[in-house]
């Protein structure tokens, strides 16, 4: 093979895993451009949904629960942790043909996984194909807390990259050798680390909003779930002059609903569909109302954007620990009842030049540029090969 080739595997269970894959790819390309060296070929593959009908069902079930019944996610989590389909012989037999086919066709020098449900199958397939010595596996965690899927802990991975000390300690508890774990940080898109392309004034003016007015962005995530309509309705009672950007994700029904109720609102509101990147949008607003998704919250941290976290229903287990970290660090406030949004908004003090503000070092929250170090680790493995 003439060129080094990296296979990055993910799944579209939520948008975070694809975002992490894109972030790592972008950082690798940027580093190679700065060094004026040839970048490796990088192939991204949704290896879960494509592998077999059962895995596709698991992925679709996950997204449906996320969209309609977030409070059920804990039962899905418990089910997966009980049956461990990613480690079972039956699961491997269902997936191995597709997994081996992907490896044969792509011929990777290195495989990077950003999803907990594929690591064991990949490692086992490489072993069965006699490639374990030549093709290394690196896993990059996207859950920055102790409530980890056990699938993240793959003893056959050559390196496991953890976002913080909490996740590392949990991986060790799961049985991983501490020597095979590096604590680096979360892999957010490099654009969140750079000045915005479109300024606050330009972006808000383009949306027919007032750049000088307090701006709250409410995002329902890629699935368009959660309790955001209730929080928006509660915000109607604010005494503070406020305007809203409401992002509905991929939920067309929610978008139509929000367009209808916002047309009758006294708050100037712009309703938007799924947005691939919110880098400039986060720079342009003063508060982000969101669930505690790992990538979204760390993107907000990079933009020094205050957050209000939707806790009206119990958060997903893999996100509950993230809530605790954000609250402890003072980077977010909790919405336990819809009306909590009122005192959060009315007590908000927008910071001028907030991008210059230091971040807390607690649990590596200040390592917002971690994606570049993750990319360096990946490139160093290529150099070894």
Protein backbone atom coordinates (compact mmCIF):
# COMPACT_ATOMS: atom_id res chain seq x y z
CA UNK A 1 0.00 0.00 0.00
CA UNK A 2 1.60 3.28 -1.12
CA UNK A 3 -0.15 5.59 1.37
CA UNK A 4 -0.89 5.40 5.05
CA UNK A 5 -4.61 5.01 5.58
CA UNK A 6 -6.70 5.67 8.70
CA UNK A 7 -10.14 4.13 9.14
CA UNK A 8 -12.29 6.11 11.59
CA UNK A 9 -15.38 4.19 12.69
CA UNK A 10 -18.45 5.70 14.33
CA UNK A 11 -22.22 5.36 14.44
CA UNK A 12 -25.01 7.88 13.99
CA UNK A 13 -26.52 7.21 17.42
CA UNK A 14 -26.95 10.88 18.09
CA UNK A 15 -24.66 13.30 16.25
CA UNK A 16 -21.75 13.32 18.68
CA UNK A 17 -19.83 10.33 17.38
CA UNK A 18 -19.80 11.54 13.77
CA UNK A 19 -18.80 15.00 15.03
CA UNK A 20 -15.88 13.50 16.96
CA UNK A 21 -14.78 11.56 13.87
CA UNK A 22 -14.90 14.71 11.75
CA UNK A 23 -12.98 16.64 14.41
CA UNK A 24 -10.15 14.11 14.47
CA UNK A 25 -10.00 14.01 10.67
CA UNK A 26 -9.89 17.82 10.46
CA UNK A 27 -7.13 18.08 13.07
CA UNK A 28 -4.96 15.47 11.33
CA UNK A 29 -5.29 17.25 7.98
CA UNK A 30 -4.56 20.64 9.56
CA UNK A 31 -1.42 19.38 11.30
CA UNK A 32 -0.11 17.83 8.09
CA UNK A 33 -0.79 21.03 6.16
CA UNK A 34 1.11 23.08 8.75
CA UNK A 35 4.08 20.70 8.46
CA UNK A 36 3.82 20.67 4.69
CA UNK A 37 3.64 16.87 4.72
CA UNK A 38 1.27 14.53 2.93
CA UNK A 39 -1.79 13.75 5.00
CA UNK A 40 -2.77 10.08 5.30
CA UNK A 41 -5.87 8.86 3.54
CA UNK A 42 -8.74 9.05 6.01
CA UNK A 43 -11.86 6.94 5.53
CA UNK A 44 -14.90 7.32 7.79
CA UNK A 45 -17.32 4.42 8.15
CA UNK A 46 -20.62 4.02 10.01
CA UNK A 47 -19.81 0.44 10.86
CA UNK A 48 -22.77 -0.33 13.14
CA UNK A 49 -25.79 0.46 11.02
CA UNK A 50 -24.24 -1.07 7.92
CA UNK A 51 -23.09 -4.31 9.54
CA UNK A 52 -26.39 -6.17 10.03
CA UNK A 53 -30.11 -5.73 10.63
CA UNK A 54 -29.92 -6.30 14.40
CA UNK A 55 -27.28 -3.64 14.95
CA UNK A 56 -29.27 -1.32 12.72
CA UNK A 57 -32.31 -1.97 14.93
CA UNK A 58 -30.32 -1.13 18.06
CA UNK A 59 -29.14 2.13 16.48
CA UNK A 60 -32.61 3.12 15.29
CA UNK A 61 -34.10 2.25 18.69
CA UNK A 62 -31.51 4.45 20.39
CA UNK A 63 -32.35 7.42 18.17
CA UNK A 64 -36.09 6.92 18.52
CA UNK A 65 -35.86 6.86 22.32
CA UNK A 66 -33.61 9.91 22.23
CA UNK A 67 -36.18 11.74 20.11
CA UNK A 68 -39.40 10.74 21.85
CA UNK A 69 -38.73 9.20 25.27
CA UNK A 70 -35.41 10.34 26.71
CA UNK A 71 -36.50 9.15 30.15
CA UNK A 72 -36.45 5.57 28.80
CA UNK A 73 -32.79 5.78 27.84
CA UNK A 74 -31.67 4.41 31.19
CA UNK A 75 -33.52 1.16 30.43
CA UNK A 76 -31.87 0.93 27.01
CA UNK A 77 -28.51 1.54 28.69
CA UNK A 78 -29.18 -1.19 31.25
CA UNK A 79 -30.32 -3.61 28.54
CA UNK A 80 -27.16 -3.12 26.48
CA UNK A 81 -24.96 -3.43 29.56
CA UNK A 82 -26.78 -6.64 30.50
CA UNK A 83 -26.65 -8.43 27.14
CA UNK A 84 -23.38 -6.81 25.95
CA UNK A 85 -24.07 -7.49 22.25
CA UNK A 86 -20.72 -5.95 21.30
CA UNK A 87 -18.85 -8.70 23.19
CA UNK A 88 -21.09 -11.70 22.46
CA UNK A 89 -20.20 -14.53 20.10
CA UNK A 90 -23.60 -14.24 18.41
CA UNK A 91 -23.08 -10.53 17.86
CA UNK A 92 -19.66 -11.15 16.42
CA UNK A 93 -20.90 -13.82 14.04
CA UNK A 94 -23.55 -11.43 12.77
CA UNK A 95 -21.04 -8.62 12.27
CA UNK A 96 -17.75 -10.30 11.38
CA UNK A 97 -18.33 -10.76 7.64
CA UNK A 98 -19.11 -7.10 7.15
CA UNK A 99 -16.32 -5.96 9.50
CA UNK A 100 -13.71 -8.09 7.72
CA UNK A 101 -14.97 -6.94 4.34
CA UNK A 102 -14.52 -3.29 5.34
CA UNK A 103 -11.00 -3.96 6.58
CA UNK A 104 -10.10 -5.87 3.42
CA UNK A 105 -11.47 -3.18 1.11
CA UNK A 106 -10.05 -0.16 2.93
CA UNK A 107 -6.73 -1.75 3.96
CA UNK A 108 -6.17 0.59 6.90
CA UNK A 109 -2.80 1.17 8.50
CA UNK A 110 -4.61 2.21 11.66
CA UNK A 111 -8.19 2.07 12.94
CA UNK A 112 -9.62 4.77 15.22
CA UNK A 113 -12.93 4.07 16.97
CA UNK A 114 -15.09 6.81 18.48
CA UNK A 115 -17.98 4.51 19.43
CA UNK A 116 -18.14 2.01 22.32
CA UNK A 117 -20.11 -0.69 20.49
CA UNK A 118 -17.58 -1.53 17.77
CA UNK A 119 -14.25 -1.85 19.58
CA UNK A 120 -14.36 -5.51 20.57
CA UNK A 121 -15.61 -6.66 17.15
CA UNK A 122 -12.87 -4.72 15.38
CA UNK A 123 -10.15 -6.10 17.62
CA UNK A 124 -11.46 -9.65 17.21
CA UNK A 125 -11.74 -9.31 13.43
CA UNK A 126 -8.15 -8.04 13.20
CA UNK A 127 -6.99 -11.01 15.26
CA UNK A 128 -8.94 -13.49 13.11
CA UNK A 129 -7.44 -11.95 9.97
CA UNK A 130 -3.90 -12.13 11.37
CA UNK A 131 -3.56 -8.35 11.24
CA UNK A 132 -3.26 -7.49 14.92
CA UNK A 133 0.48 -6.86 14.69
CA UNK A 134 0.20 -4.62 11.63
CA UNK A 135 -3.09 -2.76 12.07
CA UNK A 136 -3.46 -1.08 15.45
CA UNK A 137 -6.71 -0.02 17.09
CA UNK A 138 -7.09 3.26 18.99
CA UNK A 139 -10.28 4.14 20.85
CA UNK A 140 -11.21 7.75 21.61
CA UNK A 141 -13.85 8.19 24.31
CA UNK A 142 -16.62 10.76 23.87
CA UNK A 143 -18.22 10.30 27.32
CA UNK A 144 -16.39 12.58 29.79
CA UNK A 145 -17.58 10.99 33.04
CA UNK A 146 -17.74 7.77 35.02
CA UNK A 147 -21.05 6.53 33.58
CA UNK A 148 -19.32 4.79 30.71
CA UNK A 149 -20.54 2.06 28.43
CA UNK A 150 -18.34 -0.93 29.24
CA UNK A 151 -17.76 -1.24 25.49
CA UNK A 152 -15.24 1.58 25.75
CA UNK A 153 -12.94 -0.73 27.70
CA UNK A 154 -11.33 -2.87 24.99
CA UNK A 155 -8.21 -4.63 26.29
CA UNK A 156 -6.99 -5.34 22.74
CA UNK A 157 -6.83 -1.66 21.76
CA UNK A 158 -3.27 -0.39 21.42
CA UNK A 159 -4.26 2.91 22.99
CA UNK A 160 -7.36 4.24 24.72
CA UNK A 161 -7.69 8.03 24.88
CA UNK A 162 -9.75 9.27 27.81
CA UNK A 163 -11.22 12.77 28.17
CA UNK A 164 -10.35 13.16 31.85
CA UNK A 165 -9.22 11.49 35.07
CA UNK A 166 -12.75 10.35 35.93
CA UNK A 167 -13.15 8.36 32.72
CA UNK A 168 -9.63 6.96 33.04
CA UNK A 169 -10.30 5.67 36.55
CA UNK A 170 -13.50 3.99 35.36
CA UNK A 171 -11.64 2.31 32.48
CA UNK A 172 -9.12 0.96 34.96
CA UNK A 173 -12.00 -0.27 37.12
CA UNK A 174 -13.30 -2.08 34.02
CA UNK A 175 -9.95 -3.87 33.78
CA UNK A 176 -7.85 -1.82 31.36
CA UNK A 177 -4.13 -1.50 31.96
CA UNK A 178 -3.43 2.11 33.03
CA UNK A 179 -0.32 2.07 30.84
CA UNK A 180 -2.55 1.79 27.77
CA UNK A 181 -4.64 4.86 28.64
CA UNK A 182 -3.80 8.48 27.92
CA UNK A 183 -5.82 11.33 29.40
CA UNK A 184 -6.03 14.06 26.79
CA UNK A 185 -9.50 15.56 26.46
CA UNK A 186 -12.59 15.69 24.25
CA UNK A 187 -12.23 15.78 20.45
CA UNK A 188 -14.20 18.86 19.45
CA UNK A 189 -14.11 20.39 15.97
CA UNK A 190 -11.13 22.73 15.49
CA UNK A 191 -13.43 25.53 14.28
CA UNK A 192 -14.60 25.99 17.88
CA UNK A 193 -11.03 26.91 18.81
CA UNK A 194 -10.72 29.65 16.20
CA UNK A 195 -12.23 33.10 15.75
CA UNK A 196 -15.73 32.96 14.28
CA UNK A 197 -16.09 33.27 10.53
CA UNK A 198 -19.28 35.29 10.99
CA UNK A 199 -19.37 37.79 13.85
CA UNK A 200 -22.21 38.06 16.35
CA UNK A 201 -23.41 41.23 14.65
CA UNK A 202 -23.37 39.64 11.20
CA UNK A 203 -25.04 36.38 12.24
CA UNK A 204 -27.83 37.90 14.32
CA UNK A 205 -28.50 40.59 11.73
CA UNK A 206 -28.75 37.91 9.06
CA UNK A 207 -31.40 36.18 11.19
CA UNK A 208 -33.25 39.50 11.62
CA UNK A 209 -32.35 39.61 15.31
CA UNK A 210 -30.87 42.47 17.34
CA UNK A 211 -27.11 42.03 18.01
CA UNK A 212 -27.43 44.20 21.13
CA UNK A 213 -30.19 42.14 22.75
CA UNK A 214 -29.75 39.19 25.12
CA UNK A 215 -29.84 36.08 22.92
CA UNK A 216 -30.75 32.59 24.15
CA UNK A 217 -30.14 29.57 21.93
CA UNK A 218 -32.28 26.53 22.74
CA UNK A 219 -31.19 23.33 21.04
CA UNK A 220 -33.12 20.07 21.02
CA UNK A 221 -30.07 18.12 19.83
CA UNK A 222 -29.74 16.26 16.55
CA UNK A 223 -32.74 14.07 17.36
CA UNK A 224 -34.96 17.00 18.29
CA UNK A 225 -35.96 15.55 21.65
CA UNK A 226 -36.09 16.60 25.28
CA UNK A 227 -38.21 19.23 26.99
CA UNK A 228 -37.22 22.31 25.04
CA UNK A 229 -40.76 23.41 24.06
CA UNK A 230 -41.77 23.49 27.75
CA UNK A 231 -38.67 25.50 28.63
CA UNK A 232 -39.38 27.91 25.77
CA UNK A 233 -42.94 28.37 27.00
CA UNK A 234 -41.70 29.09 30.52
CA UNK A 235 -39.28 31.68 29.14
CA UNK A 236 -42.27 33.73 27.92
CA UNK A 237 -42.66 35.06 31.46
CA UNK A 238 -39.21 36.65 31.62
CA UNK A 239 -39.12 40.32 32.51
CA UNK A 240 -35.86 40.74 30.62
CA UNK A 241 -35.72 41.80 26.99
CA UNK A 242 -34.76 38.51 25.30
CA UNK A 243 -34.66 36.95 21.85
CA UNK A 244 -34.42 33.24 21.04
CA UNK A 245 -32.86 30.96 18.47
CA UNK A 246 -34.59 27.56 18.65
CA UNK A 247 -32.81 24.66 16.90
CA UNK A 248 -35.04 21.65 16.25
CA UNK A 249 -32.52 19.07 15.04
CA UNK A 250 -33.79 16.56 12.52
CA UNK A 251 -37.31 16.58 13.96
CA UNK A 252 -39.55 18.14 11.30
CA UNK A 253 -42.63 17.73 13.49
CA UNK A 254 -40.97 19.72 16.26
CA UNK A 255 -39.94 22.41 13.78
CA UNK A 256 -43.52 22.88 12.57
CA UNK A 257 -44.77 22.94 16.17
CA UNK A 258 -42.21 25.56 17.21
CA UNK A 259 -42.90 27.71 14.17
CA UNK A 260 -46.57 27.75 15.16
CA UNK A 261 -46.12 28.61 18.84
CA UNK A 262 -43.25 31.05 18.26
CA UNK A 263 -45.39 33.01 15.81
CA UNK A 264 -47.63 33.86 18.78
CA UNK A 265 -44.77 34.55 21.18
CA UNK A 266 -43.88 37.97 22.52
CA UNK A 267 -40.19 36.94 22.28
CA UNK A 268 -38.60 37.45 18.88
CA UNK A 269 -37.79 33.86 17.86
CA UNK A 270 -36.01 32.24 14.94
CA UNK A 271 -36.71 28.52 14.45
CA UNK A 272 -34.00 26.53 12.67
CA UNK A 273 -33.55 22.88 11.60
CA UNK A 274 -30.50 20.70 12.30
CA UNK A 275 -27.26 22.65 12.07
CA UNK A 276 -24.06 20.73 11.30
CA UNK A 277 -21.86 23.15 13.18
CA UNK A 278 -22.81 25.73 15.80
CA UNK A 279 -19.39 27.34 16.10
CA UNK A 280 -20.43 30.83 15.00
CA UNK A 281 -23.88 30.43 16.55
CA UNK A 282 -22.41 29.70 19.97
CA UNK A 283 -20.23 32.77 19.65
CA UNK A 284 -23.27 34.89 18.79
CA UNK A 285 -25.52 34.00 21.73
CA UNK A 286 -25.35 34.62 25.47
CA UNK A 287 -26.81 31.37 26.85
CA UNK A 288 -27.17 27.83 25.51
CA UNK A 289 -30.09 25.72 26.71
CA UNK A 290 -29.25 22.09 25.96
CA UNK A 291 -29.12 18.55 27.22
CA UNK A 292 -25.75 17.36 28.51
CA UNK A 293 -24.37 15.82 25.33
CA UNK A 294 -20.61 15.41 25.64
CA UNK A 295 -19.59 17.06 22.38
CA UNK A 296 -22.15 19.88 22.49
CA UNK A 297 -21.30 20.90 26.04
CA UNK A 298 -17.55 20.85 25.37
CA UNK A 299 -18.04 22.91 22.24
CA UNK A 300 -19.86 25.44 24.42
CA UNK A 301 -17.00 25.35 26.92
CA UNK A 302 -14.55 26.16 24.13
CA UNK A 303 -16.71 29.18 23.22
CA UNK A 304 -16.94 30.12 26.94
CA UNK A 305 -20.71 30.00 26.53
CA UNK A 306 -22.81 29.69 29.72
CA UNK A 307 -25.18 26.73 29.68
CA UNK A 308 -28.52 25.78 31.17
CA UNK A 309 -29.01 22.02 31.22
CA UNK A 310 -32.40 20.36 30.67
CA UNK A 311 -33.01 18.11 33.69
CA UNK A 312 -36.80 18.07 33.56
CA UNK A 313 -36.52 14.37 32.85
CA UNK A 314 -33.71 12.17 34.09
CA UNK A 315 -30.71 12.54 31.77
CA UNK A 316 -29.23 9.58 29.94
CA UNK A 317 -26.83 7.63 32.19
CA UNK A 318 -23.83 8.42 29.98
CA UNK A 319 -24.66 12.14 30.28
CA UNK A 320 -25.67 12.37 33.95
CA UNK A 321 -22.05 12.50 35.12
CA UNK A 322 -21.33 15.29 32.66
CA UNK A 323 -24.06 17.35 34.31
CA UNK A 324 -22.37 16.96 37.68
CA UNK A 325 -19.01 18.08 36.29
CA UNK A 326 -20.46 21.16 34.58
CA UNK A 327 -22.43 22.21 37.64
CA UNK A 328 -19.45 21.70 39.95
CA UNK A 329 -17.23 23.80 37.69
CA UNK A 330 -19.80 26.60 37.47
CA UNK A 331 -20.06 26.30 33.69
CA UNK A 332 -23.76 25.46 33.69
CA UNK A 333 -26.95 25.77 35.71
CA UNK A 334 -29.68 23.15 36.07
CA UNK A 335 -33.23 23.40 34.79
CA UNK A 336 -35.12 21.00 37.07
CA UNK A 337 -38.44 22.74 36.52
CA UNK A 338 -39.24 24.66 33.36
CA UNK A 339 -39.60 27.88 35.36
CA UNK A 340 -35.93 27.65 36.42
CA UNK A 341 -35.03 29.17 33.06
CA UNK A 342 -36.46 32.49 34.30
CA UNK A 343 -34.01 33.12 37.15
CA UNK A 344 -31.15 31.79 34.99
CA UNK A 345 -31.90 34.28 32.21
CA UNK A 346 -32.71 37.16 34.52
CA UNK A 347 -29.52 36.63 36.51
CA UNK A 348 -27.27 36.18 33.48
CA UNK A 349 -24.44 38.67 33.14
CA UNK A 350 -23.00 38.52 29.60
CA UNK A 351 -19.22 38.81 29.63
CA UNK A 352 -17.45 41.11 27.18
CA UNK A 353 -14.45 39.44 25.55
CA UNK A 354 -15.52 36.13 27.07
CA UNK A 355 -13.26 34.13 24.71
CA UNK A 356 -10.32 35.49 26.69
CA UNK A 357 -11.66 34.12 29.97
CA UNK A 358 -9.67 31.27 31.56
CA UNK A 359 -11.30 27.87 32.01
CA UNK A 360 -11.25 25.71 35.15
CA UNK A 361 -8.61 22.99 35.16
CA UNK A 362 -10.97 20.62 36.98
CA UNK A 363 -11.17 17.27 35.14
CA UNK A 364 -9.31 18.69 32.10
CA UNK A 365 -12.10 21.16 31.29
CA UNK A 366 -9.45 23.63 30.13
CA UNK A 367 -8.07 21.25 27.48
CA UNK A 368 -10.47 22.35 24.79
CA UNK A 369 -7.77 21.98 22.12
CA UNK A 370 -7.32 18.28 22.93
CA UNK A 371 -8.23 17.19 19.39
CA UNK A 372 -4.80 18.32 18.17
CA UNK A 373 -3.00 16.18 20.75
CA UNK A 374 -5.29 13.27 19.87
CA UNK A 375 -4.35 13.77 16.22
CA UNK A 376 -0.65 13.84 17.17
CA UNK A 377 -1.02 10.52 18.99
CA UNK A 378 -2.66 8.99 15.93
CA UNK A 379 0.06 10.31 13.60
CA UNK A 380 2.74 8.96 15.92
CA UNK A 381 1.27 5.48 15.52
CA UNK A 382 1.48 5.88 11.75
CA UNK A 383 5.14 6.88 12.09
CA UNK A 384 5.81 3.70 14.07
CA UNK A 385 4.28 1.64 11.27
